[in-house]
């Protein structure tokens, strides 16, 4: 771009005016290529973080399972899934909507609105999560006798953890909206799981019991340390970029869009974790442990999808704000290909070593191998369209996303309720895979009908419908 501008300045004025349209076109092409290259670099950074994260999570889960045994590990896995789910939902969609609104306000040069948005998102997450935790304690006080005794103390600890989980998710979204990929992903995916393991080992070395209670205490400490450190870093960096002046609040508009995202992300997150939740509701903790280990092993494939999703959202939002449908279709196709082919390679490798990997958790965990194969069928199907739901929502079709995911969630719940009592943990895996396939088909059709983009990893999509927000 610098070379083009320099050459343009050296031309005679008459020739410069004649070549101005061509020069501008070259600049636009160069800018677009530069943005795509930056997106590729951010995707590569996110990919590396997720690889390291997957390794840390896998090793830590193996060690926790070995230390606690199947029963206690199953308790911890079930409760940890619940607290992460509740914390994510407590953001009320602001951890995602901040991406769209930041680019919108930035394009308008409205720094005051950006400062107000960042503060609002943090306060909403903390207030909402604290309220949910208080209601949870009230529930335990009134109906605690209806819950299995071995869940009571771990769940109580989980309620104290919830506000920091929610705040961490909002800080993740804030950093991603600014394309600070490392700052966004490393706290949740690298630092927190590492600290959970280190705190657990330290607790055992000083004589703590090898139980889910100790593991939840370690998770509580790790979450507070990680989130508060991230909060300090994000606030400091935001102040350098957007100043510390007055704030402007568009509460109504932010909340309306965020609550739609609350439904989209909430349903999506419930879909991601519904299998573990239903297994925990229907089956004893030792079977939860086997299922969770199998799901955690094959989830190595999904770090590809989440890496692409982490950088695709801001780029989609930028292209939509510029109303560049051709570039949007091209980038969406790239995102699908970036998701599918690495996912296929990682998935085949994980299945090839599946029994060995599961045996690391303990001898009783190898029965989960068939679950890995079933779950992979759904994961690789979803990979063919990449982060399609992000594209649809960033294009202003979030209401349609809510409808689609409501259908998928209903199918998922129905399949789990029908299949788990009949097939056990294999039924949960089958229900999850089938729901993922349904989700993929519905998203593909919705993107094609509303945006005119045939999103599929094996084609290069072009936009056929002008964008209308």
Protein backbone atom coordinates (compact mmCIF):
# COMPACT_ATOMS: atom_id res chain seq x y z
CA UNK A 1 0.00 0.00 0.00
CA UNK A 2 2.86 2.41 0.82
CA UNK A 3 4.48 1.65 -2.55
CA UNK A 4 1.26 2.37 -4.44
CA UNK A 5 0.75 5.68 -2.63
CA UNK A 6 4.39 6.72 -3.19
CA UNK A 7 4.25 5.92 -6.89
CA UNK A 8 1.00 7.87 -7.20
CA UNK A 9 2.58 10.99 -5.66
CA UNK A 10 5.51 10.84 -8.16
CA UNK A 11 3.22 10.96 -11.21
CA UNK A 12 2.40 14.24 -13.05
CA UNK A 13 -0.92 15.75 -11.86
CA UNK A 14 -2.75 15.11 -15.15
CA UNK A 15 -1.70 11.47 -15.33
CA UNK A 16 -2.36 11.08 -11.61
CA UNK A 17 -5.96 12.21 -12.04
CA UNK A 18 -6.50 9.76 -14.89
CA UNK A 19 -5.02 6.87 -12.97
CA UNK A 20 -6.76 7.77 -9.69
CA UNK A 21 -9.61 5.23 -10.07
CA UNK A 22 -7.13 2.43 -10.86
CA UNK A 23 -4.88 3.46 -7.99
CA UNK A 24 -7.80 3.44 -5.59
CA UNK A 25 -8.82 0.00 -6.80
CA UNK A 26 -5.28 -1.28 -6.24
CA UNK A 27 -5.31 0.24 -2.77
CA UNK A 28 -8.62 -1.43 -2.00
CA UNK A 29 -7.30 -4.79 -3.17
CA UNK A 30 -4.13 -4.35 -1.14
CA UNK A 31 -6.10 -3.34 1.92
CA UNK A 32 -8.41 -6.33 1.57
CA UNK A 33 -5.47 -8.68 1.12
CA UNK A 34 -3.80 -7.15 4.15
CA UNK A 35 -6.89 -7.59 6.28
CA UNK A 36 -7.18 -11.22 5.19
CA UNK A 37 -3.52 -11.81 5.96
CA UNK A 38 -3.99 -10.28 9.41
CA UNK A 39 -7.02 -12.50 9.96
CA UNK A 40 -4.91 -15.50 8.96
CA UNK A 41 -2.22 -14.53 11.45
CA UNK A 42 -4.78 -14.07 14.20
CA UNK A 43 -6.34 -17.41 13.30
CA UNK A 44 -2.89 -19.01 13.46
CA UNK A 45 -2.30 -17.46 16.90
CA UNK A 46 -5.66 -18.68 18.12
CA UNK A 47 -4.93 -22.10 16.62
CA UNK A 48 -1.61 -22.37 18.47
CA UNK A 49 -3.24 -21.27 21.73
CA UNK A 50 -5.97 -23.87 21.32
CA UNK A 51 -3.40 -26.59 20.57
CA UNK A 52 -1.48 -25.77 23.73
CA UNK A 53 -4.77 -25.39 25.60
CA UNK A 54 -5.96 -28.79 24.43
CA UNK A 55 -2.71 -30.35 25.59
CA UNK A 56 -2.92 -28.65 29.00
CA UNK A 57 -6.59 -29.56 29.44
CA UNK A 58 -6.00 -33.14 28.37
CA UNK A 59 -3.04 -33.67 30.68
CA UNK A 60 -4.78 -31.95 33.61
CA UNK A 61 -7.94 -34.03 33.17
CA UNK A 62 -5.89 -37.22 33.06
CA UNK A 63 -4.06 -36.27 36.27
CA UNK A 64 -7.29 -35.26 38.01
CA UNK A 65 -8.96 -38.52 37.00
CA UNK A 66 -5.96 -40.51 38.22
CA UNK A 67 -5.80 -38.62 41.50
CA UNK A 68 -9.52 -38.66 42.32
CA UNK A 69 -10.73 -41.88 40.71
CA UNK A 70 -13.77 -42.29 38.47
CA UNK A 71 -16.48 -41.44 41.02
CA UNK A 72 -14.99 -38.21 42.41
CA UNK A 73 -13.76 -37.16 38.96
CA UNK A 74 -17.29 -37.62 37.64
CA UNK A 75 -18.64 -35.32 40.36
CA UNK A 76 -16.08 -32.64 39.55
CA UNK A 77 -16.69 -32.90 35.79
CA UNK A 78 -20.45 -32.54 36.17
CA UNK A 79 -20.27 -29.58 38.55
CA UNK A 80 -17.56 -27.79 36.55
CA UNK A 81 -19.63 -28.05 33.36
CA UNK A 82 -22.62 -26.58 35.23
CA UNK A 83 -20.68 -23.61 36.63
CA UNK A 84 -19.04 -22.77 33.30
CA UNK A 85 -22.44 -22.97 31.60
CA UNK A 86 -24.13 -20.79 34.22
CA UNK A 87 -21.29 -18.26 34.14
CA UNK A 88 -21.46 -18.00 30.36
CA UNK A 89 -25.23 -17.51 30.39
CA UNK A 90 -24.88 -14.84 33.08
CA UNK A 91 -23.16 -12.55 30.56
CA UNK A 92 -26.62 -12.05 29.00
CA UNK A 93 -25.03 -12.02 25.55
CA UNK A 94 -22.70 -9.06 26.14
CA UNK A 95 -19.58 -11.20 25.71
CA UNK A 96 -20.56 -11.54 22.01
CA UNK A 97 -22.51 -8.35 21.28
CA UNK A 98 -19.54 -6.24 22.37
CA UNK A 99 -17.80 -7.40 19.19
CA UNK A 100 -20.47 -6.00 16.91
CA UNK A 101 -21.08 -2.76 18.80
CA UNK A 102 -17.42 -1.90 19.21
CA UNK A 103 -16.90 -1.98 15.43
CA UNK A 104 -20.10 -0.02 14.91
CA UNK A 105 -19.12 2.73 17.36
CA UNK A 106 -15.53 2.71 16.14
CA UNK A 107 -16.66 3.27 12.54
CA UNK A 108 -18.64 6.29 13.78
CA UNK A 109 -15.67 7.58 15.79
CA UNK A 110 -17.74 7.42 19.00
CA UNK A 111 -15.11 6.73 21.67
CA UNK A 112 -17.47 7.69 24.51
CA UNK A 113 -19.91 4.96 23.47
CA UNK A 114 -17.08 2.41 23.31
CA UNK A 115 -16.01 3.31 26.86
CA UNK A 116 -19.62 3.05 28.04
CA UNK A 117 -20.06 -0.30 26.29
CA UNK A 118 -16.97 -1.81 27.90
CA UNK A 119 -18.03 -0.74 31.40
CA UNK A 120 -21.64 -1.86 30.90
CA UNK A 121 -20.66 -5.33 29.72
CA UNK A 122 -18.53 -5.94 32.83
CA UNK A 123 -21.15 -4.65 35.26
CA UNK A 124 -23.92 -6.69 33.63
CA UNK A 125 -21.86 -9.90 33.84
CA UNK A 126 -20.95 -9.40 37.51
CA UNK A 127 -24.44 -8.37 38.60
CA UNK A 128 -26.21 -11.12 36.70
CA UNK A 129 -23.84 -13.88 37.83
CA UNK A 130 -24.00 -12.77 41.46
CA UNK A 131 -27.81 -12.79 41.32
CA UNK A 132 -27.86 -16.29 39.83
CA UNK A 133 -25.43 -17.51 42.49
CA UNK A 134 -27.62 -16.04 45.26
CA UNK A 135 -30.68 -17.79 43.81
CA UNK A 136 -28.64 -20.99 43.68
CA UNK A 137 -27.83 -20.77 47.39
CA UNK A 138 -31.52 -20.17 48.09
CA UNK A 139 -32.38 -23.27 46.08
CA UNK A 140 -29.88 -25.37 48.06
CA UNK A 141 -31.31 -24.05 51.32
CA UNK A 142 -34.90 -24.91 50.38
CA UNK A 143 -34.50 -28.04 48.27
CA UNK A 144 -31.00 -29.26 49.11
CA UNK A 145 -32.37 -32.49 50.63
CA UNK A 146 -33.48 -33.58 47.13
CA UNK A 147 -29.91 -33.47 45.78
CA UNK A 148 -27.39 -36.27 46.21
CA UNK A 149 -25.24 -35.36 49.26
CA UNK A 150 -21.95 -35.72 47.38
CA UNK A 151 -22.95 -32.82 45.10
CA UNK A 152 -23.84 -30.26 47.80
CA UNK A 153 -20.42 -28.89 48.77
CA UNK A 154 -18.95 -28.84 45.21
CA UNK A 155 -22.04 -27.02 43.94
CA UNK A 156 -21.81 -24.48 46.77
CA UNK A 157 -18.20 -23.72 45.84
CA UNK A 158 -19.29 -23.42 42.22
CA UNK A 159 -21.69 -20.60 43.11
CA UNK A 160 -18.79 -18.54 44.50
CA UNK A 161 -16.86 -19.14 41.27
CA UNK A 162 -19.66 -18.07 38.94
CA UNK A 163 -19.17 -14.23 38.93
CA UNK A 164 -15.54 -14.58 37.88
CA UNK A 165 -16.44 -17.04 35.13
CA UNK A 166 -18.94 -14.50 33.73
CA UNK A 167 -16.53 -11.57 34.00
CA UNK A 168 -13.80 -13.60 32.31
CA UNK A 169 -16.09 -14.39 29.37
CA UNK A 170 -16.92 -10.69 28.89
CA UNK A 171 -13.21 -9.76 29.05
CA UNK A 172 -12.56 -12.45 26.44
CA UNK A 173 -15.17 -10.87 24.14
CA UNK A 174 -13.79 -7.38 24.75
CA UNK A 175 -10.28 -8.45 23.81
CA UNK A 176 -11.48 -10.36 20.72
CA UNK A 177 -13.45 -7.33 19.55
CA UNK A 178 -10.14 -5.46 19.44
CA UNK A 179 -8.34 -8.40 17.77
CA UNK A 180 -6.17 -8.96 20.83
CA UNK A 181 -6.21 -12.71 20.28
CA UNK A 182 -3.58 -13.76 22.80
CA UNK A 183 -5.03 -11.57 25.56
CA UNK A 184 -8.51 -12.91 24.79
CA UNK A 185 -7.80 -16.63 24.75
CA UNK A 186 -4.79 -17.28 26.98
CA UNK A 187 -6.45 -16.59 30.37
CA UNK A 188 -9.35 -19.02 29.87
CA UNK A 189 -7.59 -21.64 27.80
CA UNK A 190 -4.01 -21.59 29.09
CA UNK A 191 -3.66 -19.89 32.45
CA UNK A 192 -6.80 -21.05 34.29
CA UNK A 193 -6.51 -24.79 33.57
CA UNK A 194 -2.83 -24.69 34.44
CA UNK A 195 -3.53 -22.98 37.75
CA UNK A 196 -6.34 -25.42 38.58
CA UNK A 197 -3.92 -28.31 38.23
CA UNK A 198 -1.13 -26.58 40.14
CA UNK A 199 -3.44 -25.56 43.00
CA UNK A 200 -4.86 -29.09 43.15
CA UNK A 201 -1.37 -30.59 43.38
CA UNK A 202 -0.37 -28.06 46.04
CA UNK A 203 -3.49 -28.85 48.08
CA UNK A 204 -2.80 -32.58 47.96
CA UNK A 205 0.84 -32.06 48.94
CA UNK A 206 -0.26 -30.26 52.11
CA UNK A 207 -2.66 -33.05 53.02
CA UNK A 208 -6.00 -32.25 51.36
CA UNK A 209 -8.30 -35.10 50.39
CA UNK A 210 -8.36 -36.45 46.84
CA UNK A 211 -11.94 -35.42 46.24
CA UNK A 212 -14.12 -33.25 44.02
CA UNK A 213 -14.36 -30.73 46.87
CA UNK A 214 -10.61 -30.14 46.75
CA UNK A 215 -10.72 -29.88 42.95
CA UNK A 216 -13.50 -27.28 43.11
CA UNK A 217 -11.55 -25.27 45.69
CA UNK A 218 -8.56 -25.29 43.35
CA UNK A 219 -10.82 -24.18 40.48
CA UNK A 220 -12.24 -21.37 42.62
CA UNK A 221 -8.79 -19.99 43.44
CA UNK A 222 -7.53 -20.37 39.86
CA UNK A 223 -10.57 -18.59 38.42
CA UNK A 224 -10.25 -15.57 40.71
CA UNK A 225 -6.52 -15.18 40.09
CA UNK A 226 -6.91 -15.52 36.32
CA UNK A 227 -9.92 -13.23 35.89
CA UNK A 228 -8.74 -10.42 38.15
CA UNK A 229 -5.36 -10.37 36.43
CA UNK A 230 -7.05 -10.27 33.03
CA UNK A 231 -9.36 -7.46 34.19
CA UNK A 232 -6.39 -5.29 35.16
CA UNK A 233 -4.63 -5.92 31.83
CA UNK A 234 -7.72 -5.30 29.67
CA UNK A 235 -8.66 -2.07 31.47
CA UNK A 236 -5.14 -0.73 31.10
CA UNK A 237 -4.99 -1.55 27.40
CA UNK A 238 -8.47 -0.14 26.73
CA UNK A 239 -7.50 3.15 28.35
CA UNK A 240 -4.50 3.43 26.01
CA UNK A 241 -6.65 2.87 22.92
CA UNK A 242 -9.85 4.75 23.79
CA UNK A 243 -8.82 7.17 26.51
CA UNK A 244 -10.40 7.76 29.90
CA UNK A 245 -12.87 10.49 29.10
CA UNK A 246 -16.65 10.63 29.34
CA UNK A 247 -18.81 7.59 28.70
CA UNK A 248 -22.00 7.39 26.69
CA UNK A 249 -24.53 4.62 27.23
CA UNK A 250 -26.97 3.19 24.70
CA UNK A 251 -28.44 0.75 27.17
CA UNK A 252 -31.63 -0.01 25.25
CA UNK A 253 -29.97 -0.86 21.94
CA UNK A 254 -27.18 -2.85 23.58
CA UNK A 255 -29.56 -4.88 25.69
CA UNK A 256 -31.95 -5.64 22.85
CA UNK A 257 -29.21 -7.08 20.68
CA UNK A 258 -27.39 -8.72 23.61
CA UNK A 259 -30.47 -10.54 24.84
CA UNK A 260 -30.91 -12.07 21.40
CA UNK A 261 -27.29 -13.17 21.59
CA UNK A 262 -28.02 -14.49 25.08
CA UNK A 263 -30.55 -16.81 23.48
CA UNK A 264 -28.25 -17.76 20.60
CA UNK A 265 -25.13 -18.35 22.70
CA UNK A 266 -27.14 -19.79 25.56
CA UNK A 267 -28.81 -22.36 23.38
CA UNK A 268 -25.51 -23.08 21.64
CA UNK A 269 -23.64 -23.48 24.91
CA UNK A 270 -26.38 -25.69 26.33
CA UNK A 271 -26.15 -27.78 23.17
CA UNK A 272 -22.40 -28.10 23.65
CA UNK A 273 -22.79 -29.31 27.24
CA UNK A 274 -26.24 -30.93 27.22
CA UNK A 275 -24.80 -34.40 26.86
CA UNK A 276 -22.72 -34.16 30.05
CA UNK A 277 -25.62 -32.55 31.91
CA UNK A 278 -28.10 -35.26 30.91
CA UNK A 279 -25.60 -38.03 31.66
CA UNK A 280 -25.13 -36.48 35.11
CA UNK A 281 -28.89 -36.31 35.65
CA UNK A 282 -29.59 -39.88 34.52
CA UNK A 283 -26.44 -41.84 35.37
CA UNK A 284 -24.02 -42.19 38.33
CA UNK A 285 -20.77 -40.15 38.53
CA UNK A 286 -18.51 -42.99 37.35
CA UNK A 287 -20.36 -43.12 34.00
CA UNK A 288 -20.24 -39.33 33.84
CA UNK A 289 -16.46 -39.67 34.19
CA UNK A 290 -16.18 -42.11 31.26
CA UNK A 291 -18.36 -39.94 29.04
CA UNK A 292 -16.55 -36.73 30.01
CA UNK A 293 -13.15 -38.30 29.30
CA UNK A 294 -14.28 -39.46 25.85
CA UNK A 295 -15.80 -36.06 25.06
CA UNK A 296 -12.68 -34.24 26.29
CA UNK A 297 -10.50 -36.45 24.11
CA UNK A 298 -12.42 -36.00 20.87
CA UNK A 299 -12.96 -32.31 21.64
CA UNK A 300 -9.32 -31.92 20.59
CA UNK A 301 -10.87 -31.62 17.13
CA UNK A 302 -13.00 -28.64 18.07
CA UNK A 303 -10.13 -26.37 19.02
CA UNK A 304 -9.79 -25.79 15.27
CA UNK A 305 -13.38 -24.52 15.03
CA UNK A 306 -13.06 -22.33 18.13
CA UNK A 307 -9.76 -20.89 16.86
CA UNK A 308 -11.37 -19.82 13.58
CA UNK A 309 -14.50 -18.58 15.36
CA UNK A 310 -12.39 -16.38 17.65
CA UNK A 311 -11.06 -14.34 14.73
CA UNK A 312 -13.91 -14.69 12.22
CA UNK A 313 -16.45 -12.69 14.22
CA UNK A 314 -14.59 -9.35 14.16
CA UNK A 315 -13.73 -9.79 10.46
CA UNK A 316 -17.34 -10.63 9.57
CA UNK A 317 -18.49 -7.55 11.49
CA UNK A 318 -15.97 -5.34 9.69
CA UNK A 319 -16.91 -6.58 6.21
CA UNK A 320 -20.62 -6.23 6.96
CA UNK A 321 -20.06 -2.67 8.22
CA UNK A 322 -18.30 -1.93 4.90
CA UNK A 323 -21.18 -3.63 2.98
CA UNK A 324 -18.65 -5.68 0.98
CA UNK A 325 -20.63 -8.83 0.19
CA UNK A 326 -18.09 -10.26 -2.25
CA UNK A 327 -15.32 -10.09 0.35
CA UNK A 328 -17.71 -11.41 3.00
CA UNK A 329 -18.57 -14.46 0.90
CA UNK A 330 -14.91 -15.08 0.12
CA UNK A 331 -13.82 -14.84 3.72
CA UNK A 332 -16.71 -17.06 4.87
CA UNK A 333 -15.55 -19.73 2.43
CA UNK A 334 -11.99 -19.41 3.68
CA UNK A 335 -13.19 -19.77 7.28
CA UNK A 336 -15.05 -22.98 6.36
CA UNK A 337 -11.98 -24.46 4.68
CA UNK A 338 -9.71 -23.37 7.53
CA UNK A 339 -12.09 -25.21 9.86
CA UNK A 340 -12.77 -28.43 7.93
CA UNK A 341 -9.42 -29.73 6.74
CA UNK A 342 -7.45 -29.34 10.01
CA UNK A 343 -10.46 -30.75 11.89
CA UNK A 344 -10.46 -33.83 9.67
CA UNK A 345 -6.75 -34.45 10.18
CA UNK A 346 -6.87 -33.91 13.94
CA UNK A 347 -10.01 -36.05 14.26
CA UNK A 348 -8.54 -39.01 12.38
CA UNK A 349 -5.39 -38.79 14.47
CA UNK A 350 -7.43 -38.68 17.70
CA UNK A 351 -9.48 -41.71 16.67
CA UNK A 352 -6.36 -43.60 15.67
CA UNK A 353 -4.89 -43.13 19.13
CA UNK A 354 -8.25 -43.11 20.94
CA UNK A 355 -7.95 -46.24 23.07
CA UNK A 356 -4.42 -45.34 24.12
CA UNK A 357 -5.47 -41.81 25.05
CA UNK A 358 -8.46 -43.01 27.07
CA UNK A 359 -6.36 -45.60 28.89
CA UNK A 360 -4.30 -42.73 30.32
CA UNK A 361 -7.34 -41.72 32.40
CA UNK A 362 -7.52 -45.21 33.90
CA UNK A 363 -8.30 -48.78 32.79
CA UNK A 364 -12.08 -48.28 33.04
CA UNK A 365 -12.13 -45.36 30.62
CA UNK A 366 -11.36 -47.29 27.39
CA UNK A 367 -15.04 -48.22 27.07
CA UNK A 368 -15.55 -44.63 25.91
CA UNK A 369 -13.82 -45.20 22.54
CA UNK A 370 -17.04 -45.83 20.64
CA UNK A 371 -18.35 -42.54 22.02
CA UNK A 372 -15.44 -40.72 20.41
CA UNK A 373 -16.33 -42.10 16.98
CA UNK A 374 -19.99 -41.15 17.35
CA UNK A 375 -19.22 -37.63 18.53
CA UNK A 376 -16.67 -37.11 15.73
CA UNK A 377 -19.37 -37.72 13.11
CA UNK A 378 -21.24 -34.66 14.36
CA UNK A 379 -18.15 -32.51 14.83
CA UNK A 380 -16.79 -33.02 11.32
CA UNK A 381 -20.22 -32.36 9.81
CA UNK A 382 -20.37 -28.99 11.57
CA UNK A 383 -16.82 -28.21 10.41
CA UNK A 384 -17.99 -28.18 6.77
CA UNK A 385 -19.62 -24.76 7.26
CA UNK A 386 -17.16 -23.31 9.76
CA UNK A 387 -18.50 -20.58 12.09
CA UNK A 388 -21.73 -20.22 10.12
CA UNK A 389 -23.81 -19.08 13.07
CA UNK A 390 -21.39 -16.18 13.65
CA UNK A 391 -21.77 -15.09 10.03
CA UNK A 392 -25.55 -15.24 10.21
CA UNK A 393 -25.74 -13.29 13.46
CA UNK A 394 -23.20 -10.62 12.54
CA UNK A 395 -25.27 -10.04 9.39
CA UNK A 396 -28.25 -9.06 11.56
CA UNK A 397 -30.05 -12.39 11.27
CA UNK A 398 -29.77 -13.13 14.98
CA UNK A 399 -33.53 -13.68 15.38
CA UNK A 400 -33.36 -16.42 12.76
CA UNK A 401 -30.42 -17.92 14.66
CA UNK A 402 -32.52 -18.03 17.82
CA UNK A 403 -35.27 -19.88 15.99
CA UNK A 404 -32.86 -22.39 14.44
CA UNK A 405 -31.09 -23.10 17.69
CA UNK A 406 -34.37 -23.47 19.54
CA UNK A 407 -35.29 -26.23 17.07
CA UNK A 408 -31.87 -27.87 17.50
CA UNK A 409 -32.07 -27.66 21.30
CA UNK A 410 -35.53 -29.22 21.31
CA UNK A 411 -34.22 -32.05 19.13
CA UNK A 412 -31.18 -32.48 21.38
CA UNK A 413 -33.22 -32.64 24.58
CA UNK A 414 -35.75 -35.01 23.04
CA UNK A 415 -33.06 -37.34 21.73
CA UNK A 416 -31.21 -37.37 25.07
CA UNK A 417 -34.39 -38.11 27.01
CA UNK A 418 -35.26 -40.95 24.63
CA UNK A 419 -31.83 -42.48 24.04
CA UNK A 420 -29.98 -42.25 27.38
CA UNK A 421 -32.40 -44.50 29.32
CA UNK A 422 -32.21 -47.06 26.48
CA UNK A 423 -28.56 -46.83 25.40
CA UNK A 424 -26.77 -45.24 28.35
CA UNK A 425 -23.76 -43.07 27.53
CA UNK A 426 -23.83 -44.23 23.88
CA UNK A 427 -27.31 -42.71 23.67
CA UNK A 428 -25.97 -39.34 24.85
CA UNK A 429 -23.25 -39.40 22.18
CA UNK A 430 -25.75 -40.35 19.48
CA UNK A 431 -28.14 -37.58 20.54
CA UNK A 432 -25.34 -35.02 20.44
CA UNK A 433 -24.09 -36.08 17.01
CA UNK A 434 -27.59 -36.08 15.51
CA UNK A 435 -28.36 -32.63 16.94
CA UNK A 436 -25.10 -31.28 15.50
CA UNK A 437 -25.96 -32.61 12.05
CA UNK A 438 -29.40 -31.00 12.25
CA UNK A 439 -27.76 -27.71 13.31
CA UNK A 440 -25.39 -27.81 10.34
CA UNK A 441 -28.15 -28.42 7.79
CA UNK A 442 -30.34 -25.66 9.18
CA UNK A 443 -27.50 -23.11 9.25
CA UNK A 444 -26.42 -23.97 5.72
CA UNK A 445 -29.94 -23.49 4.40
CA UNK A 446 -30.49 -20.28 6.38
CA UNK A 447 -27.25 -18.67 5.13
CA UNK A 448 -28.06 -19.66 1.57
CA UNK A 449 -31.60 -18.29 1.69
CA UNK A 450 -30.90 -15.02 3.55
CA UNK A 451 -27.38 -14.04 2.44
CA UNK A 452 -27.14 -15.85 -0.88
CA UNK A 453 -23.90 -17.51 0.24
CA UNK A 454 -23.51 -21.24 -0.38
CA UNK A 455 -21.30 -21.93 2.61
CA UNK A 456 -19.55 -25.26 2.28
CA UNK A 457 -15.92 -26.26 2.69
CA UNK A 458 -15.75 -27.81 -0.80
CA UNK A 459 -16.93 -24.77 -2.79
CA UNK A 460 -15.85 -21.15 -3.13
CA UNK A 461 -18.98 -19.16 -2.27
CA UNK A 462 -20.06 -15.96 -3.96
CA UNK A 463 -22.75 -13.62 -2.72
CA UNK A 464 -25.88 -13.43 -4.86
CA UNK A 465 -28.07 -11.28 -2.62
CA UNK A 466 -27.21 -7.64 -1.73
CA UNK A 467 -26.74 -7.23 1.99
CA UNK A 468 -29.53 -5.58 3.96
CA UNK A 469 -29.10 -5.29 7.73
